[in-house]
Amino acid sequence: MSSGGAKRALITGAASGLGKSLALRFAADGWRVAVCDLDEDRVRQTAAEIDDAGGTGMPVRADVTNEQEIERLAESVSGHWGGLDVLVNNAGIAIAGRTDETSMEEWRRIFEVNFFGVLRTTRIMLPLIVRGGHIINVASFAGIAAAPGLVAYNTTKAAVISFSESLRAELVEKDIGVSVTCPAFFKTRLMETSSAPDDKTRAMVERLMKHSKVTADDVAEQMFASVRTRQFMLIPHLDARWYWRWKRFFPESYFRGLQRMARRASRAGKHKQARPGRDVG
């Protein structure tokens, strides 16, 4: 970590939702935070809130699918701060649908944002991350649970988890820690900024979010703590941790549970043509 001055964090998808909550948590501890997102107005608003919360915000409009924009972002961070203590890869999109309902264009789009966006930003920012620094990749419990009806989303998040495991081993000698966050549903703007395949699916997701006891601030607090503790796998929801153990130790039993879920979803007519998602970070 930097020895002089306030510590420095870059968060993609930081203009709303979990990214914004985490940015404000860093700000409360006096960090300098680069806010990266596609929505320029919200980027500036979040940067101003970071200033008000006790940190220093640096607003940057950048697209994680655009290599030149991320390279310019790295140049800006280097020019202003000289390096980074923490990188948070949070930007992502959601697309619902089964394998045969999701077009190849949609598969490419979600991989470009959810996986290659993480990979691209990490590769470009890695030279700026100081010894003792930390990288947090935001995946999802969907990458573990593999629930039916979200195959493209599940697959990209599983890729982020696997990438994080490999990256963690690679960066040991550089003393750079890696965490991967795998939240389930929590209270955020998710359904305002992504699309569901039909009204029933949307209603189900909104119901799960409404009744979740976990908030974006709760998830952000665990992520912030991981910079100090270097905990690798973060699963904020207690019930999700139990599902994780169920799948790990009793995989066939878990799969039978998935089969029952898929049959119920099919009977309810929830699987219709998928529609492209929008940025959720």
C-alpha atoms as a PDB file:
ATOM      1  CA  MET A   1       0.000   0.000   0.000  1.00  0.00           C
ATOM      2  CA  SER A   2       1.065   3.586  -0.524  1.00  0.00           C
ATOM      3  CA  SER A   3       3.074   4.865   2.408  1.00  0.00           C
ATOM      4  CA  GLY A   4       2.385   8.569   1.935  1.00  0.00           C
ATOM      5  CA  GLY A   5      -0.920  10.385   1.423  1.00  0.00           C
ATOM      6  CA  ALA A   6      -4.398   8.970   1.066  1.00  0.00           C
ATOM      7  CA  LYS A   7      -4.729   5.528  -0.463  1.00  0.00           C
ATOM      8  CA  ARG A   8      -6.006   5.205  -4.036  1.00  0.00           C
ATOM      9  CA  ALA A   9      -8.800   3.031  -5.439  1.00  0.00           C
ATOM     10  CA  LEU A  10     -10.275   2.634  -8.919  1.00  0.00           C
ATOM     11  CA  ILE A  11     -13.792   1.198  -9.175  1.00  0.00           C
ATOM     12  CA  THR A  12     -15.481   0.360 -12.473  1.00  0.00           C
ATOM     13  CA  GLY A  13     -19.265   0.525 -12.613  1.00  0.00           C
ATOM     14  CA  ALA A  14     -19.082   2.929  -9.678  1.00  0.00           C
ATOM     15  CA  ALA A  15     -21.844   5.395 -10.541  1.00  0.00           C
ATOM     16  CA  SER A  16     -24.664   3.388  -8.957  1.00  0.00           C
ATOM     17  CA  GLY A  17     -25.538   0.267  -6.993  1.00  0.00           C
ATOM     18  CA  LEU A  18     -22.817  -1.767  -5.339  1.00  0.00           C
ATOM     19  CA  GLY A  19     -20.025   0.178  -7.033  1.00  0.00           C
ATOM     20  CA  LYS A  20     -21.286   3.460  -5.614  1.00  0.00           C
ATOM     21  CA  SER A  21     -21.784   1.992  -2.135  1.00  0.00           C
ATOM     22  CA  LEU A  22     -18.214   0.724  -2.166  1.00  0.00           C
ATOM     23  CA  ALA A  23     -16.880   4.057  -3.445  1.00  0.00           C
ATOM     24  CA  LEU A  24     -18.558   5.863  -0.554  1.00  0.00           C
ATOM     25  CA  ARG A  25     -17.204   3.293   1.911  1.00  0.00           C
ATOM     26  CA  PHE A  26     -13.662   3.967   0.709  1.00  0.00           C
ATOM     27  CA  ALA A  27     -14.393   7.702   0.905  1.00  0.00           C
ATOM     28  CA  ALA A  28     -15.474   7.401   4.537  1.00  0.00           C
ATOM     29  CA  ASP A  29     -11.946   6.205   5.280  1.00  0.00           C
ATOM     30  CA  GLY A  30     -10.392   9.128   3.422  1.00  0.00           C
ATOM     31  CA  TRP A  31      -9.415   7.312   0.225  1.00  0.00           C
ATOM     32  CA  ARG A  32      -8.976   8.854  -3.190  1.00  0.00           C
ATOM     33  CA  VAL A  33     -11.444   7.083  -5.484  1.00  0.00           C
ATOM     34  CA  ALA A  34     -11.532   7.069  -9.282  1.00  0.00           C
ATOM     35  CA  VAL A  35     -15.163   6.595 -10.334  1.00  0.00           C
ATOM     36  CA  CYS A  36     -15.406   4.834 -13.701  1.00  0.00           C
ATOM     37  CA  ASP A  37     -18.741   4.298 -15.450  1.00  0.00           C
ATOM     38  CA  LEU A  38     -20.606   4.919 -18.707  1.00  0.00           C
ATOM     39  CA  ASP A  39     -23.103   7.397 -17.229  1.00  0.00           C
ATOM     40  CA  GLU A  40     -21.152  10.663 -17.132  1.00  0.00           C
ATOM     41  CA  ASP A  41     -23.729  12.580 -15.071  1.00  0.00           C
ATOM     42  CA  ARG A  42     -23.864   9.898 -12.399  1.00  0.00           C
ATOM     43  CA  VAL A  43     -20.075   9.591 -12.445  1.00  0.00           C
ATOM     44  CA  ARG A  44     -19.774  13.277 -11.560  1.00  0.00           C
ATOM     45  CA  GLN A  45     -22.514  13.038  -8.955  1.00  0.00           C
ATOM     46  CA  THR A  46     -20.833  10.069  -7.261  1.00  0.00           C
ATOM     47  CA  ALA A  47     -17.452  11.830  -7.303  1.00  0.00           C
ATOM     48  CA  ALA A  48     -19.058  14.841  -5.586  1.00  0.00           C
ATOM     49  CA  GLU A  49     -20.605  12.559  -2.946  1.00  0.00           C
ATOM     50  CA  ILE A  50     -17.180  11.005  -2.366  1.00  0.00           C
ATOM     51  CA  ASP A  51     -15.806  14.488  -1.673  1.00  0.00           C
ATOM     52  CA  ASP A  52     -18.663  15.159   0.755  1.00  0.00           C
ATOM     53  CA  ALA A  53     -18.054  11.818   2.506  1.00  0.00           C
ATOM     54  CA  GLY A  54     -14.433  12.654   3.320  1.00  0.00           C
ATOM     55  CA  GLY A  55     -12.596  11.231   0.331  1.00  0.00           C
ATOM     56  CA  THR A  56     -11.420  12.654  -2.974  1.00  0.00           C
ATOM     57  CA  GLY A  57     -13.382  11.680  -6.055  1.00  0.00           C
ATOM     58  CA  MET A  58     -11.998  11.540  -9.586  1.00  0.00           C
ATOM     59  CA  PRO A  59     -14.799  11.171 -12.168  1.00  0.00           C
ATOM     60  CA  VAL A  60     -13.917   9.289 -15.354  1.00  0.00           C
ATOM     61  CA  ARG A  61     -16.330   8.219 -18.081  1.00  0.00           C
ATOM     62  CA  ALA A  62     -14.916   5.006 -19.578  1.00  0.00           C
ATOM     63  CA  ASP A  63     -16.173   1.806 -21.204  1.00  0.00           C
ATOM     64  CA  VAL A  64     -14.544  -1.423 -20.006  1.00  0.00           C
ATOM     65  CA  THR A  65     -15.063  -2.948 -23.464  1.00  0.00           C
ATOM     66  CA  ASN A  66     -12.930  -0.233 -25.080  1.00  0.00           C
ATOM     67  CA  GLU A  67      -9.195  -0.859 -24.696  1.00  0.00           C
ATOM     68  CA  GLN A  68      -8.196   2.673 -25.689  1.00  0.00           C
ATOM     69  CA  GLU A  69     -10.525   4.207 -23.103  1.00  0.00           C
ATOM     70  CA  ILE A  70      -9.134   1.978 -20.351  1.00  0.00           C
ATOM     71  CA  GLU A  71      -5.583   2.828 -21.411  1.00  0.00           C
ATOM     72  CA  ARG A  72      -6.443   6.533 -21.184  1.00  0.00           C
ATOM     73  CA  LEU A  73      -7.951   5.868 -17.767  1.00  0.00           C
ATOM     74  CA  ALA A  74      -4.683   4.243 -16.665  1.00  0.00           C
ATOM     75  CA  GLU A  75      -2.723   7.248 -17.944  1.00  0.00           C
ATOM     76  CA  SER A  76      -5.015   9.585 -16.020  1.00  0.00           C
ATOM     77  CA  VAL A  77      -4.662   7.600 -12.790  1.00  0.00           C
ATOM     78  CA  SER A  78      -0.895   7.422 -13.207  1.00  0.00           C
ATOM     79  CA  GLY A  79      -0.648  11.138 -13.945  1.00  0.00           C
ATOM     80  CA  HIS A  80      -2.777  12.202 -10.989  1.00  0.00           C
ATOM     81  CA  TRP A  81      -1.793   9.651  -8.366  1.00  0.00           C
ATOM     82  CA  GLY A  82       1.280   7.790  -9.584  1.00  0.00           C
ATOM     83  CA  GLY A  83      -0.254   4.377  -8.897  1.00  0.00           C
ATOM     84  CA  LEU A  84      -3.090   2.385  -7.337  1.00  0.00           C
ATOM     85  CA  ASP A  85      -3.608   0.588  -4.052  1.00  0.00           C
ATOM     86  CA  VAL A  86      -6.891  -1.110  -4.958  1.00  0.00           C
ATOM     87  CA  LEU A  87      -8.606  -2.036  -8.222  1.00  0.00           C
ATOM     88  CA  VAL A  88     -12.261  -3.084  -8.135  1.00  0.00           C
ATOM     89  CA  ASN A  89     -13.685  -4.682 -11.297  1.00  0.00           C
ATOM     90  CA  ASN A  90     -17.393  -4.174 -10.751  1.00  0.00           C
ATOM     91  CA  ALA A  91     -18.911  -3.215 -14.128  1.00  0.00           C
ATOM     92  CA  GLY A  92     -21.229  -5.817 -15.618  1.00  0.00           C
ATOM     93  CA  ILE A  93     -24.470  -6.524 -17.451  1.00  0.00           C
ATOM     94  CA  ALA A  94     -27.247  -9.092 -17.078  1.00  0.00           C
ATOM     95  CA  ILE A  95     -28.930 -11.189 -19.767  1.00  0.00           C
ATOM     96  CA  ALA A  96     -31.539 -13.827 -18.950  1.00  0.00           C
ATOM     97  CA  GLY A  97     -32.451 -16.895 -20.996  1.00  0.00           C
ATOM     98  CA  ARG A  98     -31.515 -20.501 -21.698  1.00  0.00           C
ATOM     99  CA  THR A  99     -28.748 -21.583 -24.090  1.00  0.00           C
ATOM    100  CA  ASP A 100     -31.051 -21.876 -27.104  1.00  0.00           C
ATOM    101  CA  GLU A 101     -32.820 -18.611 -26.294  1.00  0.00           C
ATOM    102  CA  THR A 102     -29.677 -16.481 -26.088  1.00  0.00           C
ATOM    103  CA  SER A 103     -28.273 -15.306 -29.411  1.00  0.00           C
ATOM    104  CA  MET A 104     -24.571 -15.486 -30.218  1.00  0.00           C
ATOM    105  CA  GLU A 105     -24.556 -11.689 -30.317  1.00  0.00           C
ATOM    106  CA  GLU A 106     -25.833 -11.634 -26.742  1.00  0.00           C
ATOM    107  CA  TRP A 107     -23.261 -14.245 -25.684  1.00  0.00           C
ATOM    108  CA  ARG A 108     -20.456 -12.138 -27.163  1.00  0.00           C
ATOM    109  CA  ARG A 109     -21.788  -8.950 -25.606  1.00  0.00           C
ATOM    110  CA  ILE A 110     -22.073 -10.311 -22.079  1.00  0.00           C
ATOM    111  CA  PHE A 111     -18.637 -11.955 -22.249  1.00  0.00           C
ATOM    112  CA  GLU A 112     -17.129  -8.727 -23.590  1.00  0.00           C
ATOM    113  CA  VAL A 113     -18.392  -6.795 -20.568  1.00  0.00           C
ATOM    114  CA  ASN A 114     -18.510  -9.289 -17.705  1.00  0.00           C
ATOM    115  CA  PHE A 115     -15.348 -11.275 -18.392  1.00  0.00           C
ATOM    116  CA  PHE A 116     -13.162  -9.496 -20.920  1.00  0.00           C
ATOM    117  CA  GLY A 117     -13.942  -6.184 -19.202  1.00  0.00           C
ATOM    118  CA  VAL A 118     -12.454  -7.606 -15.999  1.00  0.00           C
ATOM    119  CA  LEU A 119      -9.488  -9.133 -17.826  1.00  0.00           C
ATOM    120  CA  ARG A 120      -8.810  -6.023 -19.919  1.00  0.00           C
ATOM    121  CA  THR A 121      -8.944  -3.616 -16.976  1.00  0.00           C
ATOM    122  CA  THR A 122      -6.772  -5.873 -14.824  1.00  0.00           C
ATOM    123  CA  ARG A 123      -4.093  -6.274 -17.502  1.00  0.00           C
ATOM    124  CA  ILE A 124      -3.907  -2.545 -18.161  1.00  0.00           C
ATOM    125  CA  MET A 125      -4.011  -1.445 -14.509  1.00  0.00           C
ATOM    126  CA  LEU A 126      -1.737  -4.137 -13.085  1.00  0.00           C
ATOM    127  CA  PRO A 127       1.516  -2.181 -13.641  1.00  0.00           C
ATOM    128  CA  LEU A 128       0.041   0.647 -11.526  1.00  0.00           C
ATOM    129  CA  ILE A 129      -0.872  -1.508  -8.531  1.00  0.00           C
ATOM    130  CA  VAL A 130       1.718  -1.146  -5.806  1.00  0.00           C
ATOM    131  CA  ARG A 131       3.221  -3.920  -3.712  1.00  0.00           C
ATOM    132  CA  GLY A 132       0.788  -4.741  -0.943  1.00  0.00           C
ATOM    133  CA  GLY A 133      -2.145  -3.656  -3.115  1.00  0.00           C
ATOM    134  CA  HIS A 134      -5.367  -5.533  -3.760  1.00  0.00           C
ATOM    135  CA  ILE A 135      -7.730  -6.476  -6.602  1.00  0.00           C
ATOM    136  CA  ILE A 136     -11.419  -7.194  -6.015  1.00  0.00           C
ATOM    137  CA  ASN A 137     -13.374  -8.829  -8.829  1.00  0.00           C
ATOM    138  CA  VAL A 138     -17.147  -8.724  -8.555  1.00  0.00           C
ATOM    139  CA  ALA A 139     -18.635 -12.012  -9.723  1.00  0.00           C
ATOM    140  CA  SER A 140     -21.983 -13.314  -8.472  1.00  0.00           C
ATOM    141  CA  PHE A 141     -23.365 -16.294  -6.623  1.00  0.00           C
ATOM    142  CA  ALA A 142     -24.872 -17.109 -10.028  1.00  0.00           C
ATOM    143  CA  GLY A 143     -21.374 -18.189 -11.062  1.00  0.00           C
ATOM    144  CA  ILE A 144     -21.509 -20.863  -8.358  1.00  0.00           C
ATOM    145  CA  ALA A 145     -25.187 -21.767  -8.238  1.00  0.00           C
ATOM    146  CA  ALA A 146     -25.672 -22.181 -12.026  1.00  0.00           C
ATOM    147  CA  ALA A 147     -29.409 -21.592 -11.700  1.00  0.00           C
ATOM    148  CA  PRO A 148     -31.473 -22.306 -14.857  1.00  0.00           C
ATOM    149  CA  GLY A 149     -32.590 -19.445 -17.059  1.00  0.00           C
ATOM    150  CA  LEU A 150     -29.422 -17.363 -16.657  1.00  0.00           C
ATOM    151  CA  VAL A 151     -26.923 -19.479 -18.551  1.00  0.00           C
ATOM    152  CA  ALA A 152     -24.903 -16.683 -20.194  1.00  0.00           C
ATOM    153  CA  TYR A 153     -24.754 -14.631 -17.010  1.00  0.00           C
ATOM    154  CA  ASN A 154     -23.848 -17.696 -14.922  1.00  0.00           C
ATOM    155  CA  THR A 155     -21.057 -18.628 -17.325  1.00  0.00           C
ATOM    156  CA  THR A 156     -19.436 -15.194 -17.354  1.00  0.00           C
ATOM    157  CA  LYS A 157     -19.466 -14.981 -13.577  1.00  0.00           C
ATOM    158  CA  ALA A 158     -18.011 -18.489 -13.250  1.00  0.00           C
ATOM    159  CA  ALA A 159     -15.226 -17.336 -15.578  1.00  0.00           C
ATOM    160  CA  VAL A 160     -14.546 -14.355 -13.307  1.00  0.00           C
ATOM    161  CA  ILE A 161     -14.278 -16.684 -10.304  1.00  0.00           C
ATOM    162  CA  SER A 162     -11.840 -18.996 -12.099  1.00  0.00           C
ATOM    163  CA  PHE A 163      -9.790 -16.053 -13.380  1.00  0.00           C
ATOM    164  CA  SER A 164      -9.601 -14.659  -9.851  1.00  0.00           C
ATOM    165  CA  GLU A 165      -8.298 -17.983  -8.510  1.00  0.00           C
ATOM    166  CA  SER A 166      -5.543 -18.072 -11.131  1.00  0.00           C
ATOM    167  CA  LEU A 167      -4.700 -14.396 -10.681  1.00  0.00           C
ATOM    168  CA  ARG A 168      -4.408 -14.829  -6.933  1.00  0.00           C
ATOM    169  CA  ALA A 169      -1.705 -17.469  -7.384  1.00  0.00           C
ATOM    170  CA  GLU A 170       0.119 -15.418 -10.013  1.00  0.00           C
ATOM    171  CA  LEU A 171       0.350 -12.302  -7.857  1.00  0.00           C
ATOM    172  CA  VAL A 172       1.634 -13.876  -4.647  1.00  0.00           C
ATOM    173  CA  GLU A 173       5.236 -12.940  -5.419  1.00  0.00           C
ATOM    174  CA  LYS A 174       4.199  -9.330  -6.067  1.00  0.00           C
ATOM    175  CA  ASP A 175       2.351  -9.228  -2.729  1.00  0.00           C
ATOM    176  CA  ILE A 176      -0.879  -8.187  -4.427  1.00  0.00           C
ATOM    177  CA  GLY A 177      -3.974  -9.752  -2.924  1.00  0.00           C
ATOM    178  CA  VAL A 178      -7.059 -10.869  -4.849  1.00  0.00           C
ATOM    179  CA  SER A 179     -10.655 -11.261  -3.701  1.00  0.00           C
ATOM    180  CA  VAL A 180     -13.748 -12.325  -5.615  1.00  0.00           C
ATOM    181  CA  THR A 181     -17.178 -11.234  -4.412  1.00  0.00           C
ATOM    182  CA  CYS A 182     -20.145 -13.536  -5.067  1.00  0.00           C
ATOM    183  CA  PRO A 183     -23.317 -11.878  -3.786  1.00  0.00           C
ATOM    184  CA  ALA A 184     -26.791 -13.280  -4.334  1.00  0.00           C
ATOM    185  CA  PHE A 185     -29.794 -10.943  -4.595  1.00  0.00           C
ATOM    186  CA  PHE A 186     -29.637  -7.764  -2.542  1.00  0.00           C
ATOM    187  CA  LYS A 187     -31.319  -4.376  -2.516  1.00  0.00           C
ATOM    188  CA  THR A 188     -29.978  -2.353  -5.427  1.00  0.00           C
ATOM    189  CA  ARG A 189     -31.007  -0.793  -8.761  1.00  0.00           C
ATOM    190  CA  LEU A 190     -30.495  -4.055 -10.649  1.00  0.00           C
ATOM    191  CA  MET A 191     -33.959  -4.315 -12.175  1.00  0.00           C
ATOM    192  CA  GLU A 192     -33.953  -0.655 -13.202  1.00  0.00           C
ATOM    193  CA  THR A 193     -30.866  -1.157 -15.334  1.00  0.00           C
ATOM    194  CA  SER A 194     -31.258  -4.674 -16.739  1.00  0.00           C
ATOM    195  CA  SER A 195     -33.950  -6.638 -18.535  1.00  0.00           C
ATOM    196  CA  ALA A 196     -35.735  -9.864 -17.667  1.00  0.00           C
ATOM    197  CA  PRO A 197     -37.159 -12.261 -20.265  1.00  0.00           C
ATOM    198  CA  ASP A 198     -40.704 -11.769 -19.018  1.00  0.00           C
ATOM    199  CA  ASP A 199     -42.836 -10.150 -16.318  1.00  0.00           C
ATOM    200  CA  LYS A 200     -42.872 -13.256 -14.117  1.00  0.00           C
ATOM    201  CA  THR A 201     -39.092 -13.407 -13.994  1.00  0.00           C
ATOM    202  CA  ARG A 202     -38.897  -9.690 -13.237  1.00  0.00           C
ATOM    203  CA  ALA A 203     -41.456 -10.046 -10.450  1.00  0.00           C
ATOM    204  CA  MET A 204     -39.566 -13.001  -8.967  1.00  0.00           C
ATOM    205  CA  VAL A 205     -36.253 -11.118  -8.943  1.00  0.00           C
ATOM    206  CA  GLU A 206     -37.838  -7.994  -7.483  1.00  0.00           C
ATOM    207  CA  ARG A 207     -39.454 -10.098  -4.749  1.00  0.00           C
ATOM    208  CA  LEU A 208     -36.139 -11.739  -3.859  1.00  0.00           C
ATOM    209  CA  MET A 209     -34.431  -8.357  -3.756  1.00  0.00           C
ATOM    210  CA  LYS A 210     -37.192  -6.816  -1.662  1.00  0.00           C
ATOM    211  CA  HIS A 211     -37.032  -9.564   0.960  1.00  0.00           C
ATOM    212  CA  SER A 212     -33.245  -9.780   1.059  1.00  0.00           C
ATOM    213  CA  LYS A 213     -31.779  -8.907   4.430  1.00  0.00           C
ATOM    214  CA  VAL A 214     -28.524  -7.923   2.714  1.00  0.00           C
ATOM    215  CA  THR A 215     -28.008  -4.433   1.274  1.00  0.00           C
ATOM    216  CA  ALA A 216     -25.443  -3.011  -1.126  1.00  0.00           C
ATOM    217  CA  ASP A 217     -23.821  -1.309   1.864  1.00  0.00           C
ATOM    218  CA  ASP A 218     -23.489  -4.683   3.626  1.00  0.00           C
ATOM    219  CA  VAL A 219     -21.739  -6.191   0.605  1.00  0.00           C
ATOM    220  CA  ALA A 220     -19.529  -3.113   0.258  1.00  0.00           C
ATOM    221  CA  GLU A 221     -18.474  -3.389   3.899  1.00  0.00           C
ATOM    222  CA  GLN A 222     -17.293  -6.976   3.392  1.00  0.00           C
ATOM    223  CA  MET A 223     -15.442  -5.979   0.251  1.00  0.00           C
ATOM    224  CA  PHE A 224     -13.751  -3.078   2.005  1.00  0.00           C
ATOM    225  CA  ALA A 225     -12.689  -5.373   4.858  1.00  0.00           C
ATOM    226  CA  SER A 226     -11.163  -7.850   2.387  1.00  0.00           C
ATOM    227  CA  VAL A 227      -8.499  -5.284   1.472  1.00  0.00           C
ATOM    228  CA  ARG A 228      -7.165  -5.696   5.010  1.00  0.00           C
ATOM    229  CA  THR A 229      -7.966  -9.366   5.666  1.00  0.00           C
ATOM    230  CA  ARG A 230      -7.176 -10.569   2.131  1.00  0.00           C
ATOM    231  CA  GLN A 231     -10.065 -13.016   2.292  1.00  0.00           C
ATOM    232  CA  PHE A 232     -10.385 -14.530  -1.167  1.00  0.00           C
ATOM    233  CA  MET A 233     -13.955 -15.797  -1.554  1.00  0.00           C
ATOM    234  CA  LEU A 234     -16.633 -13.411  -0.316  1.00  0.00           C
ATOM    235  CA  ILE A 235     -20.183 -14.806  -0.188  1.00  0.00           C
ATOM    236  CA  PRO A 236     -22.133 -12.166   1.738  1.00  0.00           C
ATOM    237  CA  HIS A 237     -25.441 -14.056   2.034  1.00  0.00           C
ATOM    238  CA  LEU A 238     -25.668 -16.699   4.760  1.00  0.00           C
ATOM    239  CA  ASP A 239     -28.089 -18.901   2.800  1.00  0.00           C
ATOM    240  CA  ALA A 240     -25.842 -18.674  -0.272  1.00  0.00           C
ATOM    241  CA  ARG A 241     -22.919 -19.970   1.798  1.00  0.00           C
ATOM    242  CA  TRP A 242     -25.017 -22.997   2.707  1.00  0.00           C
ATOM    243  CA  TYR A 243     -25.882 -23.608  -0.975  1.00  0.00           C
ATOM    244  CA  TRP A 244     -22.178 -23.302  -1.794  1.00  0.00           C
ATOM    245  CA  ARG A 245     -21.354 -26.045   0.749  1.00  0.00           C
ATOM    246  CA  TRP A 246     -24.238 -28.193  -0.503  1.00  0.00           C
ATOM    247  CA  LYS A 247     -22.921 -28.044  -4.067  1.00  0.00           C
ATOM    248  CA  ARG A 248     -19.327 -28.607  -2.970  1.00  0.00           C
ATOM    249  CA  PHE A 249     -19.888 -31.651  -0.812  1.00  0.00           C
ATOM    250  CA  PHE A 250     -23.056 -33.139  -2.358  1.00  0.00           C
ATOM    251  CA  PRO A 251     -22.910 -32.185  -6.068  1.00  0.00           C
ATOM    252  CA  GLU A 252     -25.444 -34.772  -7.306  1.00  0.00           C
ATOM    253  CA  SER A 253     -27.950 -33.829  -4.636  1.00  0.00           C
ATOM    254  CA  TYR A 254     -27.488 -30.185  -5.562  1.00  0.00           C
ATOM    255  CA  PHE A 255     -28.019 -30.992  -9.252  1.00  0.00           C
ATOM    256  CA  ARG A 256     -31.302 -32.727  -8.460  1.00  0.00           C
ATOM    257  CA  GLY A 257     -32.375 -29.527  -6.726  1.00  0.00           C
ATOM    258  CA  LEU A 258     -31.521 -27.579  -9.877  1.00  0.00           C
ATOM    259  CA  GLN A 259     -33.595 -30.017 -11.946  1.00  0.00           C
ATOM    260  CA  ARG A 260     -36.617 -29.394  -9.747  1.00  0.00           C
ATOM    261  CA  MET A 261     -36.098 -25.647 -10.064  1.00  0.00           C
ATOM    262  CA  ALA A 262     -35.834 -25.888 -13.857  1.00  0.00           C
ATOM    263  CA  ARG A 263     -39.046 -27.923 -14.087  1.00  0.00           C
ATOM    264  CA  ARG A 264     -40.932 -25.401 -11.955  1.00  0.00           C
ATOM    265  CA  ALA A 265     -39.630 -22.519 -14.062  1.00  0.00           C
ATOM    266  CA  SER A 266     -40.577 -24.315 -17.270  1.00  0.00           C
ATOM    267  CA  ARG A 267     -44.117 -24.989 -16.058  1.00  0.00           C
ATOM    268  CA  ALA A 268     -44.495 -21.344 -15.100  1.00  0.00           C
ATOM    269  CA  GLY A 269     -43.573 -20.354 -18.650  1.00  0.00           C
ATOM    270  CA  LYS A 270     -40.646 -18.272 -17.556  1.00  0.00           C
ATOM    271  CA  HIS A 271     -38.332 -19.182 -20.418  1.00  0.00           C
ATOM    272  CA  LYS A 272     -38.976 -16.892 -23.353  1.00  0.00           C
ATOM    273  CA  GLN A 273     -36.597 -15.192 -25.743  1.00  0.00           C
ATOM    274  CA  ALA A 274     -33.804 -13.403 -23.898  1.00  0.00           C
ATOM    275  CA  ARG A 275     -33.305  -9.703 -24.330  1.00  0.00           C
ATOM    276  CA  PRO A 276     -30.034  -7.808 -24.070  1.00  0.00           C
ATOM    277  CA  GLY A 277     -29.228  -6.432 -20.649  1.00  0.00           C
ATOM    278  CA  ARG A 278     -27.838  -3.032 -19.802  1.00  0.00           C
ATOM    279  CA  ASP A 279     -25.055  -2.020 -17.493  1.00  0.00           C
ATOM    280  CA  VAL A 280     -25.702  -3.038 -13.924  1.00  0.00           C
ATOM    281  CA  GLY A 281     -22.432  -1.913 -12.373  1.00  0.00           C
END
